[in-house]
C-alpha atoms as a PDB file:
ATOM      1  CA  MET A   1       0.000   0.000   0.000  1.00  0.00           C
ATOM      2  CA  HIS A   2       1.261   3.443  -0.911  1.00  0.00           C
ATOM      3  CA  ARG A   3       0.985   6.274   1.590  1.00  0.00           C
ATOM      4  CA  LEU A   4       0.837  10.028   1.043  1.00  0.00           C
ATOM      5  CA  LEU A   5       1.246  12.514   3.879  1.00  0.00           C
ATOM      6  CA  LEU A   6      -0.736  15.685   3.356  1.00  0.00           C
ATOM      7  CA  ARG A   7       2.015  17.945   4.711  1.00  0.00           C
ATOM      8  CA  GLN A   8       4.479  16.525   2.182  1.00  0.00           C
ATOM      9  CA  VAL A   9       2.204  16.912  -0.835  1.00  0.00           C
ATOM     10  CA  CYS A  10       0.772  20.305   0.196  1.00  0.00           C
ATOM     11  CA  PRO A  11       3.287  21.724   2.668  1.00  0.00           C
ATOM     12  CA  ASP A  12       2.336  25.406   2.526  1.00  0.00           C
ATOM     13  CA  SER A  13      -1.383  25.610   1.842  1.00  0.00           C
ATOM     14  CA  ARG A  14      -4.477  23.418   1.952  1.00  0.00           C
ATOM     15  CA  VAL A  15      -7.078  26.026   1.090  1.00  0.00           C
ATOM     16  CA  PHE A  16      -7.320  26.674  -2.624  1.00  0.00           C
ATOM     17  CA  ARG A  17      -8.399  24.573  -5.614  1.00  0.00           C
ATOM     18  CA  ALA A  18      -4.807  24.632  -6.875  1.00  0.00           C
ATOM     19  CA  ASP A  19      -3.724  22.989  -3.610  1.00  0.00           C
ATOM     20  CA  GLY A  20      -6.405  20.351  -4.073  1.00  0.00           C
ATOM     21  CA  GLN A  21      -5.250  19.761  -7.644  1.00  0.00           C
ATOM     22  CA  ARG A  22      -1.758  19.063  -6.322  1.00  0.00           C
ATOM     23  CA  LEU A  23      -3.105  16.376  -3.973  1.00  0.00           C
ATOM     24  CA  ARG A  24      -5.357  14.888  -6.648  1.00  0.00           C
ATOM     25  CA  ALA A  25      -2.404  14.660  -9.058  1.00  0.00           C
ATOM     26  CA  ALA A  26      -0.384  12.848  -6.386  1.00  0.00           C
ATOM     27  CA  ILE A  27      -3.290  10.446  -5.773  1.00  0.00           C
ATOM     28  CA  GLU A  28      -3.673   9.673  -9.464  1.00  0.00           C
ATOM     29  CA  ALA A  29       0.086   9.216  -9.901  1.00  0.00           C
ATOM     30  CA  ALA A  30       0.204   6.765  -6.994  1.00  0.00           C
ATOM     31  CA  TRP A  31      -2.699   4.828  -8.533  1.00  0.00           C
ATOM     32  CA  SER A  32      -0.776   4.210 -11.731  1.00  0.00           C
ATOM     33  CA  ASP A  33       0.488   0.841 -10.504  1.00  0.00           C
ATOM     34  CA  GLY A  34      -2.853  -0.404  -9.191  1.00  0.00           C
ATOM     35  CA  GLU A  35      -1.829  -0.532  -5.528  1.00  0.00           C
ATOM     36  CA  PRO A  36      -4.161   0.790  -2.808  1.00  0.00           C
ATOM     37  CA  LEU A  37      -3.348   4.224  -1.458  1.00  0.00           C
ATOM     38  CA  GLU A  38      -3.633   5.729   1.990  1.00  0.00           C
ATOM     39  CA  VAL A  39      -3.782   9.520   2.252  1.00  0.00           C
ATOM     40  CA  ASP A  40      -2.978  10.705   5.762  1.00  0.00           C
ATOM     41  CA  PHE A  41      -4.471  14.084   6.609  1.00  0.00           C
ATOM     42  CA  GLU A  42      -2.565  13.926   9.908  1.00  0.00           C
ATOM     43  CA  ASP A  43      -5.543  15.221  11.932  1.00  0.00           C
ATOM     44  CA  GLN A  44      -5.124  18.678  10.396  1.00  0.00           C
ATOM     45  CA  THR A  45      -8.353  20.601  10.005  1.00  0.00           C
ATOM     46  CA  ILE A  46      -8.813  21.581   6.367  1.00  0.00           C
ATOM     47  CA  ALA A  47     -12.214  23.328   6.473  1.00  0.00           C
ATOM     48  CA  SER A  48     -11.870  24.312   2.812  1.00  0.00           C
ATOM     49  CA  ILE A  49     -14.630  23.095   0.554  1.00  0.00           C
ATOM     50  CA  SER A  50     -12.560  24.068  -2.490  1.00  0.00           C
ATOM     51  CA  PHE A  51      -9.601  21.945  -1.394  1.00  0.00           C
ATOM     52  CA  LEU A  52     -11.693  18.918  -0.413  1.00  0.00           C
ATOM     53  CA  ASP A  53     -13.753  19.107  -3.585  1.00  0.00           C
ATOM     54  CA  GLU A  54     -10.798  19.397  -5.929  1.00  0.00           C
ATOM     55  CA  SER A  55      -8.567  16.852  -4.196  1.00  0.00           C
ATOM     56  CA  VAL A  56     -10.980  13.999  -3.493  1.00  0.00           C
ATOM     57  CA  ALA A  57     -14.610  14.659  -4.439  1.00  0.00           C
ATOM     58  CA  THR A  58     -13.855  15.252  -8.131  1.00  0.00           C
ATOM     59  CA  LEU A  59     -12.392  11.746  -8.308  1.00  0.00           C
ATOM     60  CA  PHE A  60     -15.988  10.520  -8.120  1.00  0.00           C
ATOM     61  CA  VAL A  61     -16.721  12.175 -11.454  1.00  0.00           C
ATOM     62  CA  ASP A  62     -13.874  10.439 -13.293  1.00  0.00           C
ATOM     63  CA  TYR A  63     -13.736   7.098 -11.450  1.00  0.00           C
ATOM     64  CA  ASP A  64     -16.262   4.534 -10.306  1.00  0.00           C
ATOM     65  CA  ALA A  65     -17.174   4.868  -6.618  1.00  0.00           C
ATOM     66  CA  GLU A  66     -16.440   1.207  -5.929  1.00  0.00           C
ATOM     67  CA  LEU A  67     -12.953   1.546  -7.403  1.00  0.00           C
ATOM     68  CA  ILE A  68     -12.266   4.551  -5.199  1.00  0.00           C
ATOM     69  CA  ARG A  69     -13.515   2.719  -2.103  1.00  0.00           C
ATOM     70  CA  ARG A  70     -11.210  -0.212  -2.843  1.00  0.00           C
ATOM     71  CA  ARG A  71      -8.139   1.824  -3.673  1.00  0.00           C
ATOM     72  CA  LEU A  72      -8.287   4.983  -1.572  1.00  0.00           C
ATOM     73  CA  LYS A  73      -8.225   5.177   2.209  1.00  0.00           C
ATOM     74  CA  LEU A  74      -8.387   8.556   3.921  1.00  0.00           C
ATOM     75  CA  VAL A  75      -6.988   8.574   7.443  1.00  0.00           C
ATOM     76  CA  GLY A  76      -6.502  11.353   9.959  1.00  0.00           C
ATOM     77  CA  LEU A  77      -9.377  13.346   8.475  1.00  0.00           C
ATOM     78  CA  THR A  78     -11.229  15.351  11.117  1.00  0.00           C
ATOM     79  CA  GLN A  79     -14.923  14.558  11.531  1.00  0.00           C
ATOM     80  CA  GLY A  80     -15.959  18.019  10.325  1.00  0.00           C
ATOM     81  CA  ASP A  81     -13.868  17.657   7.180  1.00  0.00           C
ATOM     82  CA  ARG A  82     -15.161  14.115   6.638  1.00  0.00           C
ATOM     83  CA  ASP A  83     -18.742  15.406   6.868  1.00  0.00           C
ATOM     84  CA  GLN A  84     -18.012  18.162   4.340  1.00  0.00           C
ATOM     85  CA  LEU A  85     -16.287  15.703   2.029  1.00  0.00           C
ATOM     86  CA  ASN A  86     -19.188  13.236   2.202  1.00  0.00           C
ATOM     87  CA  ALA A  87     -21.606  15.993   1.141  1.00  0.00           C
ATOM     88  CA  LEU A  88     -19.308  17.001  -1.728  1.00  0.00           C
ATOM     89  CA  VAL A  89     -18.929  13.398  -2.872  1.00  0.00           C
ATOM     90  CA  ALA A  90     -22.711  12.970  -2.924  1.00  0.00           C
ATOM     91  CA  LYS A  91     -22.989  16.006  -5.198  1.00  0.00           C
ATOM     92  CA  ARG A  92     -20.197  14.795  -7.478  1.00  0.00           C
ATOM     93  CA  ARG A  93     -21.695  11.303  -7.719  1.00  0.00           C
ATOM     94  CA  ALA A  94     -25.017  12.852  -8.674  1.00  0.00           C
ATOM     95  CA  THR A  95     -23.221  14.795 -11.409  1.00  0.00           C
ATOM     96  CA  ARG A  96     -21.682  11.572 -12.744  1.00  0.00           C
ATOM     97  CA  THR A  97     -25.039   9.788 -12.676  1.00  0.00           C
ATOM     98  CA  ALA A  98     -26.757  12.647 -14.515  1.00  0.00           C
ATOM     99  CA  ALA A  99     -24.155  12.678 -17.301  1.00  0.00           C
END
């Protein structure tokens, strides 16, 4: 299993869409060999809808939800951020279904 630490991928900022794009790119690069991936948020509060949407939720537009569940594990995500992310994922999945 591969492991990404949030502070290594996004050391300076975890607020903007560009920051989220950096994490998403790292996730997709780590997936290239088919191994599962753990992203460790290290219990840091993100509280940025833009970051959470761009980094993780948009994956649900391009990839099947079951594939993501099998291959991506998010650890150290605060409950508030997890709640926000779950709402964003629901919206993104609805977008995929509607397309």
